[in-house]
Amino acid sequence: MKTPSPMYGRIKQYVPMLEWASVYNSNTFTSDAVAAIIVTIMLIPQSLAYALLAGLPAEMGLYASILPLVAYAIFGTSRALAVGPVAVVSLMTAAAIGNLGLTSPTDIALAAVTLAFISGVILIAMGILRLGFLANFLSHPVIAGFITASGLLIATSQLKHILGVDAHGHTLVELIFSLVDHRDMINPVTLGLGASTLVFLFWVRKGLKPTLLNMGLAPRTADILAKAGPVGAVFVTTFITFLFDLSSHGSKLLEQFQWVYHHLQYPVFHQRSGVSCSCLVY
C-alpha cells in the first residue's frame, strides 16, 4: 500500500474534503441528498427573511447563501455544521448599518458587503494565528445574555409579520409599544395562518415522528418525514396563499424581485458616504 506523501498530509489539513471524500459511499450520499433537498428548500425562505432582517433587499439573502455552502464543503472541518446567514448576524448587520444613516440602497448594500469582507479578513487572520483560545475567556453569562436578548428582539420584530401590522422600532420597548399602538390593524387571516404554522412547527419537532411510528411507518421513513415537516409547512402555506388569494384579504406577500447577476469584484474601500470607515470603526 502506497504511503501518502508528507505534502499530501499537509494539504489535507487545509482541505478536509480530501479526508472524507476517500471514504464516501452510497449510503452517505443518500443521506446527504435527503439533507440537501430539505436544507435547500428551507434555505430559500430563511435567507430571504434574514436579508430583510438585516435591512437589505431580499435577493441578497440568496446570494449570501450559495458560496458559503460550497466553500465550507471544501474547507470546512465539520460534516454536520449548518453554514449560511443566521439571525444574530443579520441583526448585528442591521444595527451596524443603521448607525450610518444611509438612505441609498446602493450605499446600504455597499456597507453590508464591506462589513462582511472586513469580518471575513479578521476571522481568517485569527484562524491563521490560532487565536481560537480567546473564546475561552468569554464569560458564559454574557454570551447567554446576548443570545437571549437577541432572540427576544428578533422574535418581537417578527411579530408584525404574523399579526399583519406595520410596526417599527430599534429596541424591544419601542417594538412592543409600536405593536400595541397598531393592535387595531391586526389582520385575522394573516394571524390565523402564521399562528397555525407556528403551532405545527413546534409540534413537528417532537410529535410528528412518534405519530408516524404509531401509524406503522419504518423508523428511517418516519425520521425523514419528520425532518421534512418544515418543508411541508412551506409548501402548504404557499399553496393556501395561492389558492385563496390571501393577498386580496390584506395578507402581505413578498413582492417579485428581479434577478440581477453581478460580476465578482473587489470591495470598495474609499470613503464613499463614509461607509467603509464607519463600518470599520463600528
C-alpha atoms as a PDB file:
ATOM      1  CA  MET A   1       0.000   0.000   0.000  1.00  0.00           C
ATOM      2  CA  LYS A   2       1.414   3.349  -1.044  1.00  0.00           C
ATOM      3  CA  THR A   3       2.138   5.723   1.819  1.00  0.00           C
ATOM      4  CA  PRO A   4       0.773   9.269   1.327  1.00  0.00           C
ATOM      5  CA  SER A   5       3.467  11.890   0.924  1.00  0.00           C
ATOM      6  CA  PRO A   6       4.047  14.459   3.681  1.00  0.00           C
ATOM      7  CA  MET A   7       2.944  17.179   1.267  1.00  0.00           C
ATOM      8  CA  TYR A   8      -0.428  15.432   0.790  1.00  0.00           C
ATOM      9  CA  GLY A   9      -0.868  15.275   4.552  1.00  0.00           C
ATOM     10  CA  ARG A  10      -0.238  18.996   4.903  1.00  0.00           C
ATOM     11  CA  ILE A  11      -2.708  19.746   2.110  1.00  0.00           C
ATOM     12  CA  LYS A  12      -5.394  17.680   3.872  1.00  0.00           C
ATOM     13  CA  GLN A  13      -5.013  19.909   6.911  1.00  0.00           C
ATOM     14  CA  TYR A  14      -6.270  22.839   4.854  1.00  0.00           C
ATOM     15  CA  VAL A  15      -8.619  20.895   2.550  1.00  0.00           C
ATOM     16  CA  PRO A  16     -10.517  18.448   4.827  1.00  0.00           C
ATOM     17  CA  MET A  17     -12.646  17.392   1.858  1.00  0.00           C
ATOM     18  CA  LEU A  18      -9.768  15.115   0.787  1.00  0.00           C
ATOM     19  CA  GLU A  19     -10.142  13.230   4.070  1.00  0.00           C
ATOM     20  CA  TRP A  20     -13.822  12.318   3.906  1.00  0.00           C
ATOM     21  CA  ALA A  21     -14.060  12.043   0.125  1.00  0.00           C
ATOM     22  CA  SER A  22     -11.866   8.935   0.193  1.00  0.00           C
ATOM     23  CA  VAL A  23     -14.397   7.042   2.359  1.00  0.00           C
ATOM     24  CA  TYR A  24     -17.566   8.457   0.815  1.00  0.00           C
ATOM     25  CA  ASN A  25     -20.138   5.753  -0.059  1.00  0.00           C
ATOM     26  CA  SER A  26     -23.644   5.358  -1.451  1.00  0.00           C
ATOM     27  CA  ASN A  27     -25.326   5.283   1.973  1.00  0.00           C
ATOM     28  CA  THR A  28     -23.734   8.586   2.896  1.00  0.00           C
ATOM     29  CA  PHE A  29     -24.734  10.017  -0.462  1.00  0.00           C
ATOM     30  CA  THR A  30     -28.385   9.050   0.094  1.00  0.00           C
ATOM     31  CA  SER A  31     -28.442  10.728   3.496  1.00  0.00           C
ATOM     32  CA  ASP A  32     -26.686  13.795   2.137  1.00  0.00           C
ATOM     33  CA  ALA A  33     -29.108  14.011  -0.808  1.00  0.00           C
ATOM     34  CA  VAL A  34     -32.137  13.999   1.515  1.00  0.00           C
ATOM     35  CA  ALA A  35     -30.495  16.592   3.766  1.00  0.00           C
ATOM     36  CA  ALA A  36     -29.560  18.729   0.763  1.00  0.00           C
ATOM     37  CA  ILE A  37     -33.125  18.780  -0.567  1.00  0.00           C
ATOM     38  CA  ILE A  38     -34.561  19.720   2.834  1.00  0.00           C
ATOM     39  CA  VAL A  39     -31.906  22.355   3.546  1.00  0.00           C
ATOM     40  CA  THR A  40     -32.223  23.893   0.080  1.00  0.00           C
ATOM     41  CA  ILE A  41     -35.994  24.240   0.312  1.00  0.00           C
ATOM     42  CA  MET A  42     -35.810  25.671   3.820  1.00  0.00           C
ATOM     43  CA  LEU A  43     -32.881  27.932   2.981  1.00  0.00           C
ATOM     44  CA  ILE A  44     -34.889  29.908   0.429  1.00  0.00           C
ATOM     45  CA  PRO A  45     -37.455  31.447   2.831  1.00  0.00           C
ATOM     46  CA  GLN A  46     -34.882  31.645   5.633  1.00  0.00           C
ATOM     47  CA  SER A  47     -32.319  33.528   3.561  1.00  0.00           C
ATOM     48  CA  LEU A  48     -34.981  35.934   2.296  1.00  0.00           C
ATOM     49  CA  ALA A  49     -36.088  36.613   5.867  1.00  0.00           C
ATOM     50  CA  TYR A  50     -32.520  37.090   7.112  1.00  0.00           C
ATOM     51  CA  ALA A  51     -31.819  39.631   4.373  1.00  0.00           C
ATOM     52  CA  LEU A  52     -34.938  41.607   5.295  1.00  0.00           C
ATOM     53  CA  LEU A  53     -33.941  41.396   8.965  1.00  0.00           C
ATOM     54  CA  ALA A  54     -30.581  42.921   8.045  1.00  0.00           C
ATOM     55  CA  GLY A  55     -32.321  45.750   6.185  1.00  0.00           C
ATOM     56  CA  LEU A  56     -31.158  44.514   2.773  1.00  0.00           C
ATOM     57  CA  PRO A  57     -33.049  43.527  -0.398  1.00  0.00           C
ATOM     58  CA  ALA A  58     -34.487  40.026  -0.111  1.00  0.00           C
ATOM     59  CA  GLU A  59     -32.495  38.617  -3.026  1.00  0.00           C
ATOM     60  CA  MET A  60     -29.212  39.407  -1.278  1.00  0.00           C
ATOM     61  CA  GLY A  61     -30.049  36.685   1.223  1.00  0.00           C
ATOM     62  CA  LEU A  62     -29.998  34.137  -1.593  1.00  0.00           C
ATOM     63  CA  TYR A  63     -26.675  35.440  -2.890  1.00  0.00           C
ATOM     64  CA  ALA A  64     -25.152  35.154   0.580  1.00  0.00           C
ATOM     65  CA  SER A  65     -26.354  31.550   0.955  1.00  0.00           C
ATOM     66  CA  ILE A  66     -24.665  29.983  -2.074  1.00  0.00           C
ATOM     67  CA  LEU A  67     -20.898  30.439  -1.910  1.00  0.00           C
ATOM     68  CA  PRO A  68     -20.527  29.788   1.854  1.00  0.00           C
ATOM     69  CA  LEU A  69     -22.055  26.328   1.426  1.00  0.00           C
ATOM     70  CA  VAL A  70     -19.733  25.460  -1.450  1.00  0.00           C
ATOM     71  CA  ALA A  71     -16.656  26.849   0.298  1.00  0.00           C
ATOM     72  CA  TYR A  72     -17.359  25.074   3.582  1.00  0.00           C
ATOM     73  CA  ALA A  73     -17.920  21.752   1.819  1.00  0.00           C
ATOM     74  CA  ILE A  74     -14.296  22.009   0.645  1.00  0.00           C
ATOM     75  CA  PHE A  75     -12.532  23.732   3.535  1.00  0.00           C
ATOM     76  CA  GLY A  76     -14.838  23.008   6.491  1.00  0.00           C
ATOM     77  CA  THR A  77     -13.858  20.611   9.262  1.00  0.00           C
ATOM     78  CA  SER A  78     -17.363  19.601  10.397  1.00  0.00           C
ATOM     79  CA  ARG A  79     -19.691  17.445   8.311  1.00  0.00           C
ATOM     80  CA  ALA A  80     -22.750  18.335  10.393  1.00  0.00           C
ATOM     81  CA  LEU A  81     -22.433  22.119  10.722  1.00  0.00           C
ATOM     82  CA  ALA A  82     -25.116  24.335   9.186  1.00  0.00           C
ATOM     83  CA  VAL A  83     -23.474  27.197   7.286  1.00  0.00           C
ATOM     84  CA  GLY A  84     -25.171  30.314   5.988  1.00  0.00           C
ATOM     85  CA  PRO A  85     -26.903  33.501   7.134  1.00  0.00           C
ATOM     86  CA  VAL A  86     -28.118  33.471  10.728  1.00  0.00           C
ATOM     87  CA  ALA A  87     -30.493  35.726  12.619  1.00  0.00           C
ATOM     88  CA  VAL A  88     -27.945  37.143  15.083  1.00  0.00           C
ATOM     89  CA  VAL A  89     -25.511  38.152  12.321  1.00  0.00           C
ATOM     90  CA  SER A  90     -28.379  39.735  10.373  1.00  0.00           C
ATOM     91  CA  LEU A  91     -29.440  41.680  13.452  1.00  0.00           C
ATOM     92  CA  MET A  92     -25.898  42.905  14.107  1.00  0.00           C
ATOM     93  CA  THR A  93     -25.514  43.899  10.448  1.00  0.00           C
ATOM     94  CA  ALA A  94     -28.710  45.920  10.618  1.00  0.00           C
ATOM     95  CA  ALA A  95     -27.524  47.621  13.812  1.00  0.00           C
ATOM     96  CA  ALA A  96     -24.130  48.496  12.315  1.00  0.00           C
ATOM     97  CA  ILE A  97     -25.541  49.812   9.037  1.00  0.00           C
ATOM     98  CA  GLY A  98     -28.411  51.606  10.769  1.00  0.00           C
ATOM     99  CA  ASN A  99     -25.974  53.816  12.671  1.00  0.00           C
ATOM    100  CA  LEU A 100     -24.540  55.142   9.402  1.00  0.00           C
ATOM    101  CA  GLY A 101     -27.722  56.999   8.442  1.00  0.00           C
ATOM    102  CA  LEU A 102     -27.644  55.729   4.843  1.00  0.00           C
ATOM    103  CA  THR A 103     -30.701  56.046   2.626  1.00  0.00           C
ATOM    104  CA  SER A 104     -29.486  54.877  -0.785  1.00  0.00           C
ATOM    105  CA  PRO A 105     -29.980  51.130  -1.395  1.00  0.00           C
ATOM    106  CA  THR A 106     -26.628  51.085  -3.197  1.00  0.00           C
ATOM    107  CA  ASP A 107     -24.799  52.561  -0.195  1.00  0.00           C
ATOM    108  CA  ILE A 108     -26.577  50.170   2.180  1.00  0.00           C
ATOM    109  CA  ALA A 109     -25.560  47.174   0.072  1.00  0.00           C
ATOM    110  CA  LEU A 110     -22.005  48.543  -0.146  1.00  0.00           C
ATOM    111  CA  ALA A 111     -21.857  48.903   3.625  1.00  0.00           C
ATOM    112  CA  ALA A 112     -23.055  45.305   4.130  1.00  0.00           C
ATOM    113  CA  VAL A 113     -20.512  43.937   1.640  1.00  0.00           C
ATOM    114  CA  THR A 114     -17.681  45.948   3.189  1.00  0.00           C
ATOM    115  CA  LEU A 115     -18.639  44.865   6.693  1.00  0.00           C
ATOM    116  CA  ALA A 116     -18.783  41.209   5.618  1.00  0.00           C
ATOM    117  CA  PHE A 117     -15.391  41.454   3.881  1.00  0.00           C
ATOM    118  CA  ILE A 118     -13.692  43.067   6.885  1.00  0.00           C
ATOM    119  CA  SER A 119     -15.220  40.470   9.227  1.00  0.00           C
ATOM    120  CA  GLY A 120     -14.008  37.672   6.962  1.00  0.00           C
ATOM    121  CA  VAL A 121     -10.453  39.033   6.848  1.00  0.00           C
ATOM    122  CA  ILE A 122     -10.378  39.298  10.648  1.00  0.00           C
ATOM    123  CA  LEU A 123     -11.665  35.731  11.069  1.00  0.00           C
ATOM    124  CA  ILE A 124      -9.125  34.352   8.584  1.00  0.00           C
ATOM    125  CA  ALA A 125      -6.312  36.198  10.371  1.00  0.00           C
ATOM    126  CA  MET A 126      -7.450  34.856  13.733  1.00  0.00           C
ATOM    127  CA  GLY A 127      -7.579  31.341  12.289  1.00  0.00           C
ATOM    128  CA  ILE A 128      -4.050  31.577  10.880  1.00  0.00           C
ATOM    129  CA  LEU A 129      -2.737  32.923  14.191  1.00  0.00           C
ATOM    130  CA  ARG A 130      -4.537  30.162  16.132  1.00  0.00           C
ATOM    131  CA  LEU A 131      -6.442  32.633  18.292  1.00  0.00           C
ATOM    132  CA  GLY A 132      -9.412  30.375  18.923  1.00  0.00           C
ATOM    133  CA  PHE A 133      -8.338  30.017  22.554  1.00  0.00           C
ATOM    134  CA  LEU A 134      -9.532  33.590  23.139  1.00  0.00           C
ATOM    135  CA  ALA A 135     -13.087  32.247  23.166  1.00  0.00           C
ATOM    136  CA  ASN A 136     -12.243  30.548  26.474  1.00  0.00           C
ATOM    137  CA  PHE A 137     -12.069  33.977  28.091  1.00  0.00           C
ATOM    138  CA  LEU A 138     -15.607  34.963  27.076  1.00  0.00           C
ATOM    139  CA  SER A 139     -17.964  34.957  30.026  1.00  0.00           C
ATOM    140  CA  HIS A 140     -20.727  32.373  29.710  1.00  0.00           C
ATOM    141  CA  PRO A 141     -23.340  34.624  31.385  1.00  0.00           C
ATOM    142  CA  VAL A 142     -22.501  37.403  28.926  1.00  0.00           C
ATOM    143  CA  ILE A 143     -22.871  35.072  25.929  1.00  0.00           C
ATOM    144  CA  ALA A 144     -26.100  33.600  27.314  1.00  0.00           C
ATOM    145  CA  GLY A 145     -27.497  37.077  27.943  1.00  0.00           C
ATOM    146  CA  PHE A 146     -26.543  38.252  24.473  1.00  0.00           C
ATOM    147  CA  ILE A 147     -28.160  35.238  22.786  1.00  0.00           C
ATOM    148  CA  THR A 148     -31.308  35.513  24.914  1.00  0.00           C
ATOM    149  CA  ALA A 149     -31.670  39.247  24.303  1.00  0.00           C
ATOM    150  CA  SER A 150     -31.071  38.778  20.576  1.00  0.00           C
ATOM    151  CA  GLY A 151     -33.685  36.034  20.441  1.00  0.00           C
ATOM    152  CA  LEU A 152     -36.267  38.202  22.195  1.00  0.00           C
ATOM    153  CA  LEU A 153     -35.551  41.167  19.928  1.00  0.00           C
ATOM    154  CA  ILE A 154     -35.686  39.067  16.759  1.00  0.00           C
ATOM    155  CA  ALA A 155     -38.876  37.258  17.787  1.00  0.00           C
ATOM    156  CA  THR A 156     -40.584  40.537  18.725  1.00  0.00           C
ATOM    157  CA  SER A 157     -39.513  42.184  15.473  1.00  0.00           C
ATOM    158  CA  GLN A 158     -41.130  39.328  13.521  1.00  0.00           C
ATOM    159  CA  LEU A 159     -44.461  39.570  15.346  1.00  0.00           C
ATOM    160  CA  LYS A 160     -45.510  42.346  12.987  1.00  0.00           C
ATOM    161  CA  HIS A 161     -45.421  39.881  10.102  1.00  0.00           C
ATOM    162  CA  ILE A 162     -47.543  37.335  11.972  1.00  0.00           C
ATOM    163  CA  LEU A 163     -50.038  39.989  13.083  1.00  0.00           C
ATOM    164  CA  GLY A 164     -50.082  41.695   9.692  1.00  0.00           C
ATOM    165  CA  VAL A 165     -49.298  45.156  11.072  1.00  0.00           C
ATOM    166  CA  ASP A 166     -46.711  47.789  10.151  1.00  0.00           C
ATOM    167  CA  ALA A 167     -44.767  48.233  13.391  1.00  0.00           C
ATOM    168  CA  HIS A 168     -41.309  49.737  13.755  1.00  0.00           C
ATOM    169  CA  GLY A 169     -38.669  50.184  16.426  1.00  0.00           C
ATOM    170  CA  HIS A 170     -34.983  49.617  17.174  1.00  0.00           C
ATOM    171  CA  THR A 171     -35.334  48.392  20.763  1.00  0.00           C
ATOM    172  CA  LEU A 172     -37.554  45.820  22.439  1.00  0.00           C
ATOM    173  CA  VAL A 173     -39.563  48.513  24.235  1.00  0.00           C
ATOM    174  CA  GLU A 174     -40.095  50.505  21.026  1.00  0.00           C
ATOM    175  CA  LEU A 175     -41.241  47.385  19.174  1.00  0.00           C
ATOM    176  CA  ILE A 176     -43.708  46.404  21.905  1.00  0.00           C
ATOM    177  CA  PHE A 177     -45.236  49.885  22.101  1.00  0.00           C
ATOM    178  CA  SER A 178     -45.452  50.033  18.311  1.00  0.00           C
ATOM    179  CA  LEU A 179     -47.240  46.675  18.197  1.00  0.00           C
ATOM    180  CA  VAL A 180     -49.682  47.827  20.880  1.00  0.00           C
ATOM    181  CA  ASP A 181     -50.349  51.079  19.020  1.00  0.00           C
ATOM    182  CA  HIS A 182     -51.158  49.122  15.836  1.00  0.00           C
ATOM    183  CA  ARG A 183     -53.336  46.477  17.521  1.00  0.00           C
ATOM    184  CA  ASP A 184     -56.419  47.726  15.680  1.00  0.00           C
ATOM    185  CA  MET A 185     -54.728  46.886  12.356  1.00  0.00           C
ATOM    186  CA  ILE A 186     -54.238  43.175  13.102  1.00  0.00           C
ATOM    187  CA  ASN A 187     -55.174  41.048  10.084  1.00  0.00           C
ATOM    188  CA  PRO A 188     -57.147  37.933  11.216  1.00  0.00           C
ATOM    189  CA  VAL A 189     -56.214  35.971   8.074  1.00  0.00           C
ATOM    190  CA  THR A 190     -52.502  36.638   8.475  1.00  0.00           C
ATOM    191  CA  LEU A 191     -52.655  35.934  12.212  1.00  0.00           C
ATOM    192  CA  GLY A 192     -54.515  32.664  11.674  1.00  0.00           C
ATOM    193  CA  LEU A 193     -52.077  31.411   9.052  1.00  0.00           C
ATOM    194  CA  GLY A 194     -48.988  32.476  10.969  1.00  0.00           C
ATOM    195  CA  ALA A 195     -50.148  31.152  14.351  1.00  0.00           C
ATOM    196  CA  SER A 196     -51.240  27.792  12.945  1.00  0.00           C
ATOM    197  CA  THR A 197     -47.892  27.411  11.157  1.00  0.00           C
ATOM    198  CA  LEU A 198     -46.008  28.150  14.379  1.00  0.00           C
ATOM    199  CA  VAL A 199     -48.045  25.584  16.309  1.00  0.00           C
ATOM    200  CA  PHE A 200     -47.397  22.999  13.597  1.00  0.00           C
ATOM    201  CA  LEU A 201     -43.648  23.674  13.591  1.00  0.00           C
ATOM    202  CA  PHE A 202     -43.420  23.303  17.375  1.00  0.00           C
ATOM    203  CA  TRP A 203     -45.406  20.050  17.198  1.00  0.00           C
ATOM    204  CA  VAL A 204     -43.280  18.646  14.363  1.00  0.00           C
ATOM    205  CA  ARG A 205     -40.118  18.773  16.484  1.00  0.00           C
ATOM    206  CA  LYS A 206     -41.295  16.094  18.923  1.00  0.00           C
ATOM    207  CA  GLY A 207     -44.773  14.958  17.936  1.00  0.00           C
ATOM    208  CA  LEU A 208     -44.629  14.025  14.242  1.00  0.00           C
ATOM    209  CA  LYS A 209     -42.132  11.159  14.387  1.00  0.00           C
ATOM    210  CA  PRO A 210     -43.957   9.225  17.188  1.00  0.00           C
ATOM    211  CA  THR A 211     -47.228   9.712  15.316  1.00  0.00           C
ATOM    212  CA  LEU A 212     -45.736   8.271  12.117  1.00  0.00           C
ATOM    213  CA  LEU A 213     -44.255   5.340  14.026  1.00  0.00           C
ATOM    214  CA  ASN A 214     -47.642   4.587  15.561  1.00  0.00           C
ATOM    215  CA  MET A 215     -49.082   4.553  12.045  1.00  0.00           C
ATOM    216  CA  GLY A 216     -46.727   1.685  11.170  1.00  0.00           C
ATOM    217  CA  LEU A 217     -44.053   3.520   9.171  1.00  0.00           C
ATOM    218  CA  ALA A 218     -40.465   2.309   9.254  1.00  0.00           C
ATOM    219  CA  PRO A 219     -38.204   4.242  11.648  1.00  0.00           C
ATOM    220  CA  ARG A 220     -35.999   5.599   8.839  1.00  0.00           C
ATOM    221  CA  THR A 221     -39.021   6.726   6.792  1.00  0.00           C
ATOM    222  CA  ALA A 222     -40.604   8.336   9.849  1.00  0.00           C
ATOM    223  CA  ASP A 223     -37.339  10.120  10.637  1.00  0.00           C
ATOM    224  CA  ILE A 224     -37.039  11.523   7.097  1.00  0.00           C
ATOM    225  CA  LEU A 225     -40.668  12.690   7.031  1.00  0.00           C
ATOM    226  CA  ALA A 226     -40.319  14.280  10.464  1.00  0.00           C
ATOM    227  CA  LYS A 227     -37.250  16.237   9.335  1.00  0.00           C
ATOM    228  CA  ALA A 228     -39.157  17.285   6.213  1.00  0.00           C
ATOM    229  CA  GLY A 229     -42.040  18.659   8.307  1.00  0.00           C
ATOM    230  CA  PRO A 230     -40.969  22.314   7.966  1.00  0.00           C
ATOM    231  CA  VAL A 231     -40.701  21.802   4.205  1.00  0.00           C
ATOM    232  CA  GLY A 232     -44.306  20.631   4.200  1.00  0.00           C
ATOM    233  CA  ALA A 233     -45.298  23.769   6.083  1.00  0.00           C
ATOM    234  CA  VAL A 234     -43.675  25.917   3.386  1.00  0.00           C
ATOM    235  CA  PHE A 235     -45.473  24.087   0.582  1.00  0.00           C
ATOM    236  CA  VAL A 236     -48.865  24.023   2.321  1.00  0.00           C
ATOM    237  CA  THR A 237     -48.858  27.701   3.308  1.00  0.00           C
ATOM    238  CA  THR A 238     -47.705  28.707  -0.167  1.00  0.00           C
ATOM    239  CA  PHE A 239     -50.481  26.633  -1.739  1.00  0.00           C
ATOM    240  CA  ILE A 240     -53.111  28.060   0.626  1.00  0.00           C
ATOM    241  CA  THR A 241     -51.948  31.608  -0.116  1.00  0.00           C
ATOM    242  CA  PHE A 242     -52.208  30.984  -3.855  1.00  0.00           C
ATOM    243  CA  LEU A 243     -55.469  29.020  -3.735  1.00  0.00           C
ATOM    244  CA  PHE A 244     -57.407  31.518  -1.634  1.00  0.00           C
ATOM    245  CA  ASP A 245     -55.617  34.616  -2.938  1.00  0.00           C
ATOM    246  CA  LEU A 246     -54.815  35.810   0.576  1.00  0.00           C
ATOM    247  CA  SER A 247     -53.214  38.977  -0.789  1.00  0.00           C
ATOM    248  CA  SER A 248     -56.719  40.223  -1.596  1.00  0.00           C
ATOM    249  CA  HIS A 249     -57.596  39.732   2.094  1.00  0.00           C
ATOM    250  CA  GLY A 250     -54.833  42.025   3.304  1.00  0.00           C
ATOM    251  CA  SER A 251     -52.023  39.485   3.714  1.00  0.00           C
ATOM    252  CA  LYS A 252     -48.699  40.888   2.553  1.00  0.00           C
ATOM    253  CA  LEU A 253     -46.701  38.818   0.097  1.00  0.00           C
ATOM    254  CA  LEU A 254     -43.056  39.062  -0.835  1.00  0.00           C
ATOM    255  CA  GLU A 255     -43.075  41.123  -3.989  1.00  0.00           C
ATOM    256  CA  GLN A 256     -41.493  39.738  -7.108  1.00  0.00           C
ATOM    257  CA  PHE A 257     -37.917  40.866  -7.426  1.00  0.00           C
ATOM    258  CA  GLN A 258     -35.631  40.989 -10.403  1.00  0.00           C
ATOM    259  CA  TRP A 259     -32.602  38.777 -10.544  1.00  0.00           C
ATOM    260  CA  VAL A 260     -29.502  40.848 -11.080  1.00  0.00           C
ATOM    261  CA  TYR A 261     -26.349  38.907 -11.865  1.00  0.00           C
ATOM    262  CA  HIS A 262     -23.314  40.786 -10.610  1.00  0.00           C
ATOM    263  CA  HIS A 263     -19.748  40.166 -11.648  1.00  0.00           C
ATOM    264  CA  LEU A 264     -17.306  39.353  -8.868  1.00  0.00           C
ATOM    265  CA  GLN A 265     -15.296  42.395  -7.903  1.00  0.00           C
ATOM    266  CA  TYR A 266     -13.178  43.729  -5.061  1.00  0.00           C
ATOM    267  CA  PRO A 267     -14.888  45.642  -2.216  1.00  0.00           C
ATOM    268  CA  VAL A 268     -14.681  49.419  -2.409  1.00  0.00           C
ATOM    269  CA  PHE A 269     -12.660  50.947   0.440  1.00  0.00           C
ATOM    270  CA  HIS A 270     -12.697  54.620  -0.424  1.00  0.00           C
ATOM    271  CA  GLN A 271     -14.749  56.922   1.804  1.00  0.00           C
ATOM    272  CA  ARG A 272     -17.936  56.926  -0.221  1.00  0.00           C
ATOM    273  CA  SER A 273     -20.531  58.366   2.117  1.00  0.00           C
ATOM    274  CA  GLY A 274     -18.263  57.336   4.964  1.00  0.00           C
ATOM    275  CA  VAL A 275     -19.358  53.754   4.527  1.00  0.00           C
ATOM    276  CA  SER A 276     -16.089  51.843   4.773  1.00  0.00           C
ATOM    277  CA  CYS A 277     -14.531  53.862   7.593  1.00  0.00           C
ATOM    278  CA  SER A 278     -17.724  53.920   9.644  1.00  0.00           C
ATOM    279  CA  CYS A 279     -18.238  50.163   9.298  1.00  0.00           C
ATOM    280  CA  LEU A 280     -14.654  49.534  10.390  1.00  0.00           C
ATOM    281  CA  VAL A 281     -14.933  51.803  13.403  1.00  0.00           C
ATOM    282  CA  TYR A 282     -18.209  50.266  14.462  1.00  0.00           C
END
